[in-house]
Protein backbone atom coordinates (compact mmCIF):
# COMPACT_ATOMS: atom_id res chain seq x y z
CA MET A 1 0.00 0.00 0.00
CA GLU A 2 1.42 3.37 -0.99
CA LEU A 3 1.43 6.36 1.35
CA SER A 4 -1.10 8.21 -0.81
CA ASP A 5 -4.14 10.39 -0.22
CA ALA A 6 -6.30 7.81 -1.98
CA ASN A 7 -5.23 5.06 0.42
CA LEU A 8 -5.72 7.37 3.41
CA GLN A 9 -9.28 8.07 2.20
CA THR A 10 -9.96 4.37 1.69
CA LEU A 11 -8.64 3.56 5.17
CA THR A 12 -10.78 6.33 6.69
CA GLU A 13 -13.93 4.94 5.08
CA TYR A 14 -13.26 1.39 6.28
CA LEU A 15 -12.41 2.54 9.83
CA LYS A 16 -15.75 4.40 9.92
CA LYS A 17 -17.56 1.26 8.83
CA THR A 18 -15.94 -0.76 11.67
CA LEU A 19 -17.86 1.48 14.08
CA ASP A 20 -21.22 0.81 12.42
CA PRO A 21 -23.66 -1.13 14.65
CA ASP A 22 -24.97 -3.03 11.61
CA PRO A 23 -22.97 -6.31 11.33
CA ALA A 24 -23.60 -6.40 7.57
CA ILE A 25 -21.54 -3.20 7.26
CA ARG A 26 -19.10 -3.68 10.14
CA ARG A 27 -17.87 -7.23 9.48
CA PRO A 28 -16.82 -6.75 5.82
CA ALA A 29 -14.89 -3.64 6.90
CA GLU A 30 -13.11 -5.62 9.61
CA LYS A 31 -12.33 -8.37 7.10
CA PHE A 32 -10.86 -5.81 4.69
CA LEU A 33 -8.55 -4.36 7.36
CA GLU A 34 -7.40 -7.87 8.28
CA SER A 35 -6.65 -8.58 4.60
CA VAL A 36 -4.44 -5.51 4.15
CA GLU A 37 -2.62 -5.38 7.49
CA GLY A 38 0.20 -7.52 6.11
CA SER A 39 0.91 -4.93 3.41
CA GLN A 40 3.95 -2.68 3.56
CA ASN A 41 3.15 0.86 4.79
CA TYR A 42 -0.16 -0.19 6.42
CA PRO A 43 0.96 0.83 9.95
CA LEU A 44 2.43 4.07 8.59
CA LEU A 45 -0.90 4.90 6.96
CA LEU A 46 -2.57 4.48 10.34
CA LEU A 47 -0.01 6.80 11.98
CA THR A 48 -0.45 9.34 9.20
CA LEU A 49 -4.20 9.22 9.69
CA LEU A 50 -3.64 9.79 13.40
CA GLU A 51 -1.64 12.89 12.65
CA LYS A 52 -3.65 14.41 9.77
CA SER A 53 -7.29 13.39 10.14
CA GLN A 54 -9.69 16.19 11.07
CA GLU A 55 -12.18 13.78 12.68
CA ASN A 56 -11.44 12.88 16.29
CA VAL A 57 -13.41 9.64 16.08
CA ILE A 58 -11.16 8.49 13.21
CA LYS A 59 -8.04 9.45 15.18
CA VAL A 60 -9.20 7.37 18.17
CA CYS A 61 -10.23 4.45 15.98
CA ALA A 62 -6.88 4.56 14.13
CA SER A 63 -4.96 4.64 17.43
CA VAL A 64 -6.80 1.59 18.80
CA THR A 65 -6.39 -0.25 15.47
CA PHE A 66 -2.67 0.58 15.43
CA LYS A 67 -2.14 -0.61 19.02
CA ASN A 68 -3.92 -3.90 18.33
CA TYR A 69 -1.93 -4.32 15.12
CA ILE A 70 1.33 -3.89 17.05
CA LYS A 71 0.14 -6.30 19.75
CA ARG A 72 -0.60 -9.00 17.15
CA ASN A 73 2.35 -8.55 14.84
CA TRP A 74 5.40 -6.90 16.40
CA ARG A 75 6.96 -9.92 18.04
CA ILE A 76 9.24 -11.88 15.70
CA ILE A 77 8.69 -15.60 16.20
CA GLU A 78 11.50 -17.94 15.24
CA ASP A 79 10.91 -20.00 12.07
CA GLU A 80 7.89 -17.86 11.18
CA PRO A 81 7.74 -15.04 8.61
CA ASN A 82 8.26 -11.47 9.81
CA LYS A 83 4.79 -9.89 9.83
CA ILE A 84 6.08 -6.30 9.64
CA CYS A 85 8.76 -5.35 7.13
CA GLU A 86 11.98 -3.86 8.50
CA SER A 87 11.50 -0.44 6.87
CA ASP A 88 8.09 -0.09 8.57
CA ARG A 89 9.61 -1.08 11.92
CA ILE A 90 12.31 1.59 11.58
CA ALA A 91 9.79 4.25 10.53
CA ILE A 92 7.41 3.40 13.38
CA LYS A 93 10.15 3.71 16.02
CA ALA A 94 11.35 6.98 14.48
CA ASN A 95 7.90 8.62 14.56
CA ILE A 96 5.80 7.11 17.31
CA VAL A 97 7.25 8.93 20.37
CA PRO A 98 6.84 12.50 19.02
CA LEU A 99 3.41 11.60 17.66
CA MET A 100 2.35 10.13 21.01
CA LEU A 101 3.53 13.20 22.93
CA SER A 102 1.71 15.64 20.62
CA SER A 103 -1.59 13.70 20.70
CA PRO A 104 -4.61 14.25 22.99
CA GLU A 105 -4.61 12.13 26.16
CA GLN A 106 -7.12 9.57 24.85
CA ILE A 107 -4.91 8.82 21.86
CA GLN A 108 -1.71 9.25 23.85
CA LYS A 109 -2.66 6.30 26.07
CA GLN A 110 -3.14 4.02 23.08
CA LEU A 111 0.21 4.98 21.54
CA SER A 112 1.90 4.71 24.92
CA ASP A 113 0.67 1.12 25.16
CA ALA A 114 1.98 0.47 21.65
CA ILE A 115 5.41 1.87 22.61
CA SER A 116 5.53 -0.38 25.68
CA ILE A 117 4.69 -3.43 23.50
CA ILE A 118 7.48 -2.51 21.06
CA GLY A 119 9.81 -1.73 23.96
CA ARG A 120 9.31 -5.16 25.51
CA GLU A 121 10.68 -6.70 22.31
CA ASP A 122 13.21 -4.12 21.09
CA PHE A 123 14.42 -2.11 24.10
CA PRO A 124 17.30 -1.60 24.67
CA GLN A 125 19.22 -3.51 21.97
CA LYS A 126 17.08 -2.60 18.94
CA TRP A 127 15.85 0.76 20.24
CA PRO A 128 18.85 2.28 22.06
CA ASP A 129 17.78 5.92 21.67
CA LEU A 130 14.29 5.47 23.17
CA LEU A 131 15.26 6.57 26.69
CA THR A 132 17.27 9.56 25.50
CA GLU A 133 14.34 10.72 23.37
CA MET A 134 11.97 10.38 26.32
CA VAL A 135 14.22 11.99 28.93
CA ASN A 136 14.87 15.00 26.70
CA ARG A 137 11.14 15.74 26.80
CA PHE A 138 11.32 16.42 30.56
CA GLN A 139 12.89 19.76 29.66
CA SER A 140 9.78 20.86 27.74
CA GLY A 141 7.96 22.10 30.84
CA ASP A 142 4.72 20.90 29.22
CA PHE A 143 3.12 18.44 31.63
CA HIS A 144 0.92 16.97 28.94
CA VAL A 145 4.15 15.86 27.25
CA ILE A 146 5.84 14.96 30.55
CA ASN A 147 2.93 12.81 31.66
CA GLY A 148 3.01 11.05 28.30
CA VAL A 149 6.68 10.20 28.89
CA LEU A 150 6.00 9.09 32.47
CA ARG A 151 3.05 6.94 31.42
CA THR A 152 5.13 5.25 28.73
CA ALA A 153 8.06 4.72 31.11
CA HIS A 154 5.71 3.16 33.65
CA SER A 155 4.39 0.76 30.99
CA LEU A 156 7.98 -0.18 30.08
CA PHE A 157 9.44 -0.54 33.57
CA LYS A 158 6.61 -2.10 35.60
CA ARG A 159 7.66 -5.55 34.39
CA TYR A 160 10.73 -5.21 36.65
CA ARG A 161 8.37 -5.93 39.55
CA HIS A 162 7.84 -9.55 38.49
CA GLU A 163 10.76 -10.47 36.21
CA PHE A 164 13.11 -13.22 37.40
CA LYS A 165 16.61 -12.08 38.24
CA SER A 166 19.10 -12.49 35.39
CA ASN A 167 22.24 -10.83 34.05
CA GLU A 168 20.25 -9.55 31.09
CA LEU A 169 17.70 -7.93 33.42
CA TRP A 170 20.41 -6.35 35.61
CA THR A 171 22.10 -4.94 32.52
CA GLU A 172 18.87 -3.39 31.30
CA ILE A 173 17.97 -1.92 34.71
CA LYS A 174 21.47 -0.43 35.05
CA LEU A 175 21.15 1.18 31.63
CA VAL A 176 17.74 2.61 32.61
CA LEU A 177 19.01 3.89 35.95
CA ASP A 178 22.03 5.57 34.36
CA ALA A 179 19.81 7.44 31.92
CA PHE A 180 16.61 7.91 33.92
CA ALA A 181 17.21 8.07 37.70
CA LEU A 182 18.71 11.59 37.90
CA PRO A 183 16.22 13.24 35.48
CA LEU A 184 13.36 11.52 37.33
CA THR A 185 14.63 12.80 40.69
CA ASN A 186 15.03 16.33 39.34
CA LEU A 187 11.53 16.17 37.87
CA PHE A 188 10.19 14.94 41.23
CA LYS A 189 11.73 17.89 43.09
CA ALA A 190 10.58 20.39 40.45
CA THR A 191 7.02 19.02 40.51
CA ILE A 192 6.90 19.25 44.32
CA GLU A 193 7.94 22.91 44.09
CA LEU A 194 5.30 23.59 41.45
CA CYS A 195 2.66 22.03 43.75
CA SER A 196 3.56 24.63 46.37
CA THR A 197 3.51 27.44 43.80
CA HIS A 198 0.10 26.39 42.47
CA ALA A 199 -1.39 25.30 45.82
CA ASN A 200 -4.56 27.31 45.13
CA ASP A 201 -5.00 26.32 41.48
CA ALA A 202 -7.18 23.19 41.28
CA SER A 203 -6.66 22.49 37.57
CA ALA A 204 -2.86 22.82 37.83
CA LEU A 205 -2.78 20.61 40.92
CA LYS A 206 -4.67 17.85 39.12
CA VAL A 207 -2.07 17.75 36.34
CA LEU A 208 0.85 17.91 38.80
CA PHE A 209 -0.55 15.19 41.06
CA SER A 210 -1.12 12.96 38.04
CA SER A 211 2.63 13.36 37.41
CA LEU A 212 3.49 12.60 41.04
CA ILE A 213 1.45 9.37 40.97
CA LEU A 214 3.36 8.18 37.89
CA ILE A 215 6.70 9.24 39.42
CA ALA A 216 5.88 7.29 42.60
CA LYS A 217 4.98 4.21 40.51
CA LEU A 218 8.27 4.49 38.61
CA PHE A 219 10.15 4.75 41.91
CA TYR A 220 8.55 1.45 42.98
CA SER A 221 9.45 -0.32 39.71
CA LEU A 222 13.05 0.92 39.64
CA ASN A 223 13.64 -0.06 43.28
CA PHE A 224 11.89 -3.42 43.27
CA GLN A 225 14.68 -5.79 42.22
CA ASP A 226 17.39 -4.27 44.41
CA LEU A 227 18.25 -0.96 46.07
CA PRO A 228 20.07 1.06 43.39
CA GLU A 229 23.10 3.01 44.56
CA PHE A 230 21.62 6.23 43.14
CA PHE A 231 18.40 5.94 45.16
CA GLU A 232 20.32 4.98 48.30
CA ASP A 233 22.44 8.14 47.90
CA ASN A 234 19.31 10.25 47.31
CA MET A 235 17.06 8.59 49.87
CA GLU A 236 16.77 11.79 51.89
CA THR A 237 15.27 13.66 48.92
CA TRP A 238 12.76 10.95 48.09
CA MET A 239 11.70 9.96 51.61
CA THR A 240 11.41 13.51 52.94
CA ASN A 241 9.14 14.47 50.05
CA PHE A 242 7.16 11.23 50.21
CA HIS A 243 6.54 11.88 53.91
CA SER A 244 5.40 15.45 53.20
CA LEU A 245 2.98 14.23 50.52
CA LEU A 246 1.66 11.57 52.88
CA THR A 247 0.71 14.21 55.43
CA LEU A 248 -0.63 16.70 52.86
CA ASP A 249 -4.32 17.59 52.87
CA ASN A 250 -5.47 20.00 50.18
CA LYS A 251 -9.23 20.53 49.92
CA LEU A 252 -8.93 21.33 46.22
CA LEU A 253 -7.93 17.69 45.61
CA GLN A 254 -10.80 16.21 47.61
CA THR A 255 -13.69 14.68 45.66
CA ASP A 256 -17.38 14.26 46.44
CA ASP A 257 -17.46 10.82 44.84
CA GLU A 258 -17.72 8.17 47.60
CA GLU A 259 -16.56 5.29 45.40
CA GLU A 260 -13.88 6.59 42.99
CA ALA A 261 -10.49 7.29 44.57
CA GLY A 262 -9.17 10.79 43.91
CA LEU A 263 -5.62 11.81 42.94
CA LEU A 264 -4.59 12.46 46.54
CA GLU A 265 -5.77 9.02 47.68
CA LEU A 266 -4.04 7.31 44.74
CA LEU A 267 -0.75 9.11 45.44
CA LYS A 268 -0.82 8.32 49.16
CA SER A 269 -1.66 4.68 48.37
CA GLN A 270 1.40 4.39 46.13
CA ILE A 271 3.62 6.07 48.73
CA CYS A 272 2.44 3.51 51.31
CA ASP A 273 3.44 0.79 48.82
CA ASN A 274 6.86 2.41 48.34
CA ALA A 275 7.43 2.69 52.09
CA ALA A 276 6.37 -0.95 52.59
CA LEU A 277 8.83 -2.03 49.87
CA TYR A 278 11.70 -0.30 51.65
CA ALA A 279 10.60 -1.57 55.08
CA GLN A 280 10.52 -5.16 53.79
CA LYS A 281 13.57 -5.29 51.53
CA TYR A 282 15.90 -2.50 52.63
CA ASP A 283 15.10 -2.24 56.32
CA GLU A 284 18.62 -1.32 57.41
CA GLU A 285 18.90 1.63 55.01
CA PHE A 286 15.29 2.70 55.65
CA GLN A 287 15.54 2.53 59.46
CA PRO A 288 16.22 6.27 60.03
CA TYR A 289 13.01 7.17 58.15
CA LEU A 290 10.77 4.44 59.49
CA PRO A 291 9.43 6.06 62.72
CA ARG A 292 8.10 9.13 60.92
CA PHE A 293 6.39 6.96 58.29
CA VAL A 294 4.82 4.76 60.98
CA THR A 295 3.47 7.88 62.70
CA ALA A 296 2.18 9.43 59.47
CA ILE A 297 0.52 6.23 58.28
CA TRP A 298 -0.99 5.58 61.72
CA ASN A 299 -2.51 9.08 61.70
CA LEU A 300 -3.76 8.46 58.18
CA LEU A 301 -5.54 5.28 59.25
CA VAL A 302 -7.28 6.74 62.28
CA THR A 303 -8.51 9.80 60.37
CA THR A 304 -9.64 8.18 57.10
CA GLY A 305 -13.33 7.41 56.62
CA GLN A 306 -15.11 4.18 55.68
CA GLU A 307 -16.02 5.30 52.14
CA VAL A 308 -15.16 2.91 49.33
CA LYS A 309 -12.90 5.49 47.64
CA TYR A 310 -10.42 5.12 50.53
CA ASP A 311 -10.24 1.32 50.35
CA LEU A 312 -6.99 1.07 48.39
CA LEU A 313 -5.33 3.71 50.56
CA VAL A 314 -6.40 2.07 53.82
CA SER A 315 -5.46 -1.39 52.53
CA ASN A 316 -1.96 -0.27 51.51
CA ALA A 317 -1.49 1.68 54.76
CA ILE A 318 -2.41 -1.40 56.84
CA GLN A 319 -0.17 -3.58 54.66
CA PHE A 320 2.69 -1.20 55.49
CA LEU A 321 2.10 -1.72 59.23
CA ALA A 322 1.83 -5.48 58.62
CA SER A 323 5.18 -5.54 56.80
CA VAL A 324 6.80 -3.49 59.57
CA CYS A 325 5.53 -5.54 62.53
CA GLU A 326 6.87 -8.78 60.98
CA ARG A 327 10.46 -7.52 60.91
CA PRO A 328 12.65 -8.23 63.97
CA HIS A 329 14.29 -4.77 63.59
CA TYR A 330 10.97 -3.06 64.35
CA LYS A 331 9.66 -5.38 67.05
CA HIS A 332 10.16 -2.73 69.74
CA LEU A 333 7.62 -0.41 68.09
CA PHE A 334 4.76 -2.80 68.97
CA GLU A 335 5.80 -4.26 72.34
CA ASP A 336 3.73 -1.96 74.52
CA GLN A 337 0.33 -3.41 75.54
CA ASN A 338 -1.35 -0.03 74.97
CA THR A 339 0.02 0.08 71.40
CA LEU A 340 -1.40 -3.37 70.63
CA THR A 341 -4.76 -2.43 72.15
CA SER A 342 -4.85 0.79 70.17
CA ILE A 343 -4.04 -1.02 66.91
CA CYS A 344 -6.87 -3.47 67.52
CA GLU A 345 -9.41 -0.82 68.49
CA LYS A 346 -8.56 1.88 65.95
CA VAL A 347 -7.26 -0.02 62.94
CA ILE A 348 -8.15 -3.72 62.86
CA VAL A 349 -11.71 -3.84 64.22
CA PRO A 350 -13.04 -0.84 62.20
CA ASN A 351 -11.62 -2.31 59.00
CA MET A 352 -13.14 -5.73 59.59
CA GLU A 353 -16.65 -4.32 59.75
CA PHE A 354 -19.13 -5.47 57.12
CA ARG A 355 -20.07 -2.21 55.38
CA ALA A 356 -23.06 -1.24 53.29
CA ALA A 357 -20.87 -1.61 50.17
CA ASP A 358 -20.00 -5.20 51.19
CA GLU A 359 -23.67 -5.99 51.81
CA GLU A 360 -24.56 -4.61 48.39
CA ALA A 361 -21.88 -6.76 46.74
CA PHE A 362 -23.10 -9.83 48.66
CA GLU A 363 -26.65 -9.35 47.42
CA ASP A 364 -26.28 -7.81 43.97
CA ASN A 365 -22.81 -8.84 42.75
CA SER A 366 -22.44 -12.29 44.24
CA GLU A 367 -19.90 -13.54 41.67
CA GLU A 368 -17.48 -10.72 42.48
CA TYR A 369 -18.07 -11.21 46.22
CA ILE A 370 -17.27 -14.94 45.96
CA ARG A 371 -14.21 -14.25 43.80
CA ARG A 372 -12.86 -11.84 46.39
CA ASP A 373 -13.80 -13.71 49.55
CA LEU A 374 -13.47 -17.36 48.60
CA GLU A 375 -10.97 -17.41 45.76
CA GLY A 376 -8.44 -15.08 47.39
CA SER A 377 -8.62 -12.15 44.98
CA ASP A 378 -9.30 -9.79 47.91
CA ILE A 379 -5.68 -8.68 48.12
CA ASP A 380 -6.52 -4.97 48.05
CA THR A 381 -9.45 -5.07 50.47
CA ARG A 382 -9.52 -3.58 53.98
CA ARG A 383 -10.46 -6.93 55.53
CA ARG A 384 -7.61 -8.79 53.87
CA ALA A 385 -5.11 -6.13 54.97
CA ALA A 386 -6.47 -6.17 58.56
CA CYS A 387 -6.20 -9.98 58.56
CA ASP A 388 -2.55 -9.75 57.40
CA LEU A 389 -1.84 -7.25 60.17
CA VAL A 390 -3.28 -9.62 62.79
CA ARG A 391 -1.06 -12.42 61.50
CA GLY A 392 1.95 -10.12 61.44
CA LEU A 393 1.40 -9.05 65.06
CA CYS A 394 0.97 -12.68 66.12
CA LYS A 395 4.45 -13.50 64.84
CA PHE A 396 6.07 -11.93 67.91
CA PHE A 397 3.14 -11.16 70.22
CA GLU A 398 0.78 -14.12 69.84
CA GLY A 399 -0.16 -14.34 73.54
CA PRO A 400 -0.90 -10.65 74.20
CA VAL A 401 -2.64 -10.19 70.83
CA THR A 402 -4.84 -13.26 71.36
CA GLY A 403 -5.80 -12.00 74.83
CA ILE A 404 -6.67 -8.49 73.62
CA PHE A 405 -8.59 -9.66 70.56
CA SER A 406 -10.50 -12.31 72.50
CA GLY A 407 -11.93 -9.53 74.63
CA TYR A 408 -13.15 -7.72 71.51
CA VAL A 409 -14.62 -10.95 70.09
CA ASN A 410 -16.60 -11.55 73.30
CA SER A 411 -17.81 -7.96 73.31
CA MET A 412 -19.02 -8.23 69.69
CA LEU A 413 -20.82 -11.50 70.38
CA GLN A 414 -22.53 -9.97 73.41
CA GLU A 415 -23.74 -7.06 71.27
CA TYR A 416 -25.09 -9.54 68.72
CA ALA A 417 -26.91 -11.52 71.42
CA LYS A 418 -28.75 -8.39 72.60
CA ASN A 419 -30.51 -7.93 69.27
CA PRO A 420 -29.46 -10.38 66.51
CA SER A 421 -31.63 -8.89 63.78
CA VAL A 422 -30.04 -5.45 64.27
CA ASN A 423 -26.54 -6.37 65.43
CA TRP A 424 -25.71 -9.30 63.12
CA LYS A 425 -22.75 -7.40 61.67
CA HIS A 426 -21.06 -7.55 65.08
CA LYS A 427 -21.07 -11.34 64.88
CA ASP A 428 -19.80 -11.25 61.30
CA ALA A 429 -16.83 -9.14 62.45
CA ALA A 430 -16.25 -11.47 65.41
CA ILE A 431 -16.10 -14.54 63.14
CA TYR A 432 -13.70 -12.78 60.79
CA LEU A 433 -11.48 -11.69 63.70
CA VAL A 434 -11.37 -15.24 65.11
CA THR A 435 -10.51 -16.58 61.65
CA SER A 436 -7.70 -14.04 61.27
CA LEU A 437 -6.40 -14.70 64.77
CA ALA A 438 -6.37 -18.48 64.40
CA SER A 439 -4.93 -18.70 60.88
CA LYS A 440 -1.14 -18.96 60.90
CA ALA A 441 -0.64 -20.80 57.61
CA GLN A 442 -3.13 -21.59 54.86
CA THR A 443 -3.32 -23.14 51.40
CA GLN A 444 -6.16 -23.17 48.86
CA LYS A 445 -6.07 -26.97 48.72
CA HIS A 446 -5.94 -27.84 52.43
CA GLY A 447 -7.37 -24.79 54.21
CA ILE A 448 -5.61 -23.85 57.45
CA THR A 449 -2.48 -25.95 57.87
CA GLN A 450 -1.17 -24.24 61.01
CA ALA A 451 -3.44 -22.69 63.65
CA ASN A 452 -3.01 -20.52 66.74
CA GLU A 453 -3.18 -23.00 69.62
CA LEU A 454 -4.45 -20.29 71.97
CA VAL A 455 -7.75 -20.10 70.06
CA ASN A 456 -10.28 -22.87 70.86
CA LEU A 457 -11.65 -23.41 67.37
CA THR A 458 -13.91 -26.34 68.31
CA GLU A 459 -15.59 -24.47 71.16
CA PHE A 460 -16.20 -21.44 68.94
CA PHE A 461 -17.59 -23.72 66.24
CA VAL A 462 -20.03 -25.51 68.57
CA ASN A 463 -21.18 -22.35 70.38
CA HIS A 464 -21.31 -19.79 67.58
CA ILE A 465 -21.14 -21.45 64.13
CA GLN A 466 -23.33 -24.54 64.40
CA PRO A 467 -26.36 -22.71 65.87
CA ASP A 468 -26.58 -20.48 62.77
CA LEU A 469 -26.37 -23.48 60.44
CA LYS A 470 -28.96 -25.43 62.48
CA SER A 471 -31.45 -22.57 62.22
CA ALA A 472 -34.82 -23.62 60.80
CA SER A 473 -34.56 -21.13 57.94
CA VAL A 474 -31.69 -21.41 55.48
CA ASN A 475 -32.43 -17.87 54.30
CA GLU A 476 -32.18 -16.06 57.65
CA PHE A 477 -28.99 -13.99 58.17
CA PRO A 478 -27.39 -15.13 54.88
CA VAL A 479 -24.08 -13.37 55.59
CA LEU A 480 -23.70 -15.25 58.88
CA LYS A 481 -24.61 -18.49 57.10
CA ALA A 482 -21.87 -17.84 54.55
CA ASP A 483 -19.44 -17.00 57.37
CA GLY A 484 -20.24 -20.25 59.14
CA ILE A 485 -19.86 -22.36 56.01
CA LYS A 486 -16.55 -20.67 55.21
CA TYR A 487 -15.40 -21.41 58.79
CA ILE A 488 -16.01 -25.12 58.17
CA MET A 489 -14.12 -24.94 54.90
CA ILE A 490 -10.98 -23.29 56.16
CA PHE A 491 -10.79 -25.05 59.56
CA ARG A 492 -11.76 -28.50 58.29
CA ASN A 493 -8.43 -29.92 59.45
CA GLN A 494 -8.77 -28.46 62.97
CA VAL A 495 -12.47 -29.11 63.77
CA PRO A 496 -12.97 -32.71 65.04
CA LYS A 497 -14.19 -35.14 62.38
CA GLU A 498 -17.32 -36.01 64.32
CA GLN A 499 -18.32 -32.34 64.16
CA LEU A 500 -17.62 -32.28 60.43
CA LEU A 501 -19.85 -35.29 59.91
CA VAL A 502 -22.65 -33.57 61.85
CA SER A 503 -22.17 -30.55 59.58
CA ILE A 504 -22.62 -32.42 56.30
CA PRO A 505 -26.46 -32.61 56.47
CA LEU A 506 -26.51 -28.93 57.44
CA LEU A 507 -24.42 -28.02 54.41
CA ILE A 508 -26.65 -30.12 52.15
CA ASN A 509 -29.65 -28.26 53.52
CA HIS A 510 -28.03 -24.93 52.58
CA LEU A 511 -27.75 -25.96 48.93
CA GLN A 512 -31.36 -24.82 48.73
CA ALA A 513 -30.66 -21.33 50.11
CA GLU A 514 -31.90 -18.42 48.01
CA SER A 515 -28.61 -16.53 48.43
CA ILE A 516 -26.20 -17.34 45.61
CA VAL A 517 -23.26 -16.86 47.96
CA VAL A 518 -24.68 -19.25 50.59
CA HIS A 519 -25.55 -22.15 48.27
CA THR A 520 -22.26 -21.71 46.36
CA TYR A 521 -20.29 -21.81 49.62
CA ALA A 522 -22.25 -24.87 50.74
CA ALA A 523 -21.43 -26.74 47.52
CA HIS A 524 -17.78 -25.71 47.77
CA ALA A 525 -17.57 -26.80 51.42
CA LEU A 526 -19.05 -30.22 50.63
CA GLU A 527 -16.55 -30.68 47.82
CA ARG A 528 -13.71 -29.81 50.21
CA LEU A 529 -14.96 -32.19 52.91
CA PHE A 530 -15.43 -35.09 50.52
CA THR A 531 -11.89 -34.74 49.18
CA MET A 532 -10.25 -34.70 52.63
CA ARG A 533 -7.74 -37.45 53.23
CA GLY A 534 -8.09 -39.77 56.18
CA THR A 535 -11.70 -38.91 57.02
CA SER A 536 -13.26 -41.73 59.03
CA ASN A 537 -16.72 -43.25 58.61
CA THR A 538 -16.55 -43.47 54.84
CA THR A 539 -19.96 -45.13 54.66
CA LEU A 540 -21.69 -42.15 56.23
CA ILE A 541 -19.88 -39.72 53.93
CA GLN A 542 -20.83 -41.79 50.88
CA ALA A 543 -24.45 -41.82 52.00
CA ASN A 544 -24.39 -38.07 52.44
CA LEU A 545 -22.69 -37.68 49.07
CA THR A 546 -25.61 -39.53 47.45
CA LEU A 547 -28.02 -37.22 49.25
CA THR A 548 -25.98 -34.21 48.10
CA ILE A 549 -26.24 -35.25 44.46
CA THR A 550 -30.00 -35.74 44.86
CA CYS A 551 -30.36 -32.25 46.36
CA LEU A 552 -28.25 -30.69 43.61
CA ASN A 553 -30.42 -32.35 40.95
CA GLN A 554 -33.56 -31.07 42.65
CA TYR A 555 -32.07 -27.57 42.88
CA ALA A 556 -31.09 -27.60 39.22
CA CYS A 557 -34.67 -28.43 38.26
CA ARG A 558 -36.19 -25.56 40.28
């Protein structure tokens, strides 16, 4: 395909047709684009269209088409033909960065993704000047351009967080650090100063804080594999400014939205992640800065509300405390009984509460609730973070922590007993706290493999779990039913087998519950019990298994 006006017009018409809701028009257009994408100059025509088209919808469509084209075709697979000719590859790499930086944000994100895909294959060996070209743009002073560079750099470097160590990886990271660490640090300091200058300008602050979030993410990626000498030498600059940002409260950055996290929350969340990384991996070097971060993050936790928009921030802040309390270096910070009591009262218990948002998810978005709660994808939730903090504290202070938390559990259960229909959430929190307190080691396959011996799991099961499951109605207090069934699942190796056998008919009964979460948990619990090794009384289990299948068939026919 030649780089001609006629071909640009043809491409424009077919891109328009791919947006048509009528399949009879849309599908032939898609087929045409597939048929010509192997032609020389096809990607360059898309980039030209991006640059010259007067219609924004065509620009966006061309950017998405280009990104998907790069995703499908850029990688060169051994013993297979090269899907993009070499001259097109050279031209793309020569033009894509300036085009990306001069494009509107919506298009910039698509081209940034395309650059990161190319970079994964070609950087640094086949694209040695990429970093220089990007770093030079920091001098522009235009934060639309700067944020484009930062976004692209984040896409390129975030893989350092999960790559296996190798000489090739170290070589690449060293090359990046040599070219990028100093300009990034200078940009960080300059952006902080601009935030002070424009402290009363909401629109400017939004742009600057978008930059700070990306800078903080880049800091995390570049420091993940090892502590670079440059960042160790400049730790004072980074940590002092991170601490200042953590304690910053500017009303112009606050949002009325109760669910969507704002820029300030996102930045503080990332700073908590950065501090946790240093506390875990570079504790000796980070030690002089740790006390002030512990204080700042503690104050953050006790002053932050229960709104959903703060969930990531609170989760990361608690995870920081959890990572700190597990380290022998920092043991002294938590030894005082009053400190442990305060942590339980002000951080752990409030963040284990079952909120209106959780209740809504339980009822209206059961699949997501199950995925988070049962399948372990709740890594960024308040409850999961609070649970990790309990386990972290138990590493060195199991006795005192168990004593303190047992008092709170009893208090919650007493509140529930006063008025179950009103106070059922107190019991839900109590069950979750007992589960967190008793769980020392856990696997998906076997449930809890190591438990806190100071917690009487059988007594709690008989007194507080079984009564809910024996209730005449399988639909009463569905959250507590789900809690009880989950308790059986995860503590199936600790609860006596005779109690498990008594529970099987109760679980079968709950297969008929109206709540999707409850009958799904019941089915999952039965599957877990029937696959346990060494369970006695096989005949009874087989009989109950037959009954289970019968119930499932009846339920399926409802």
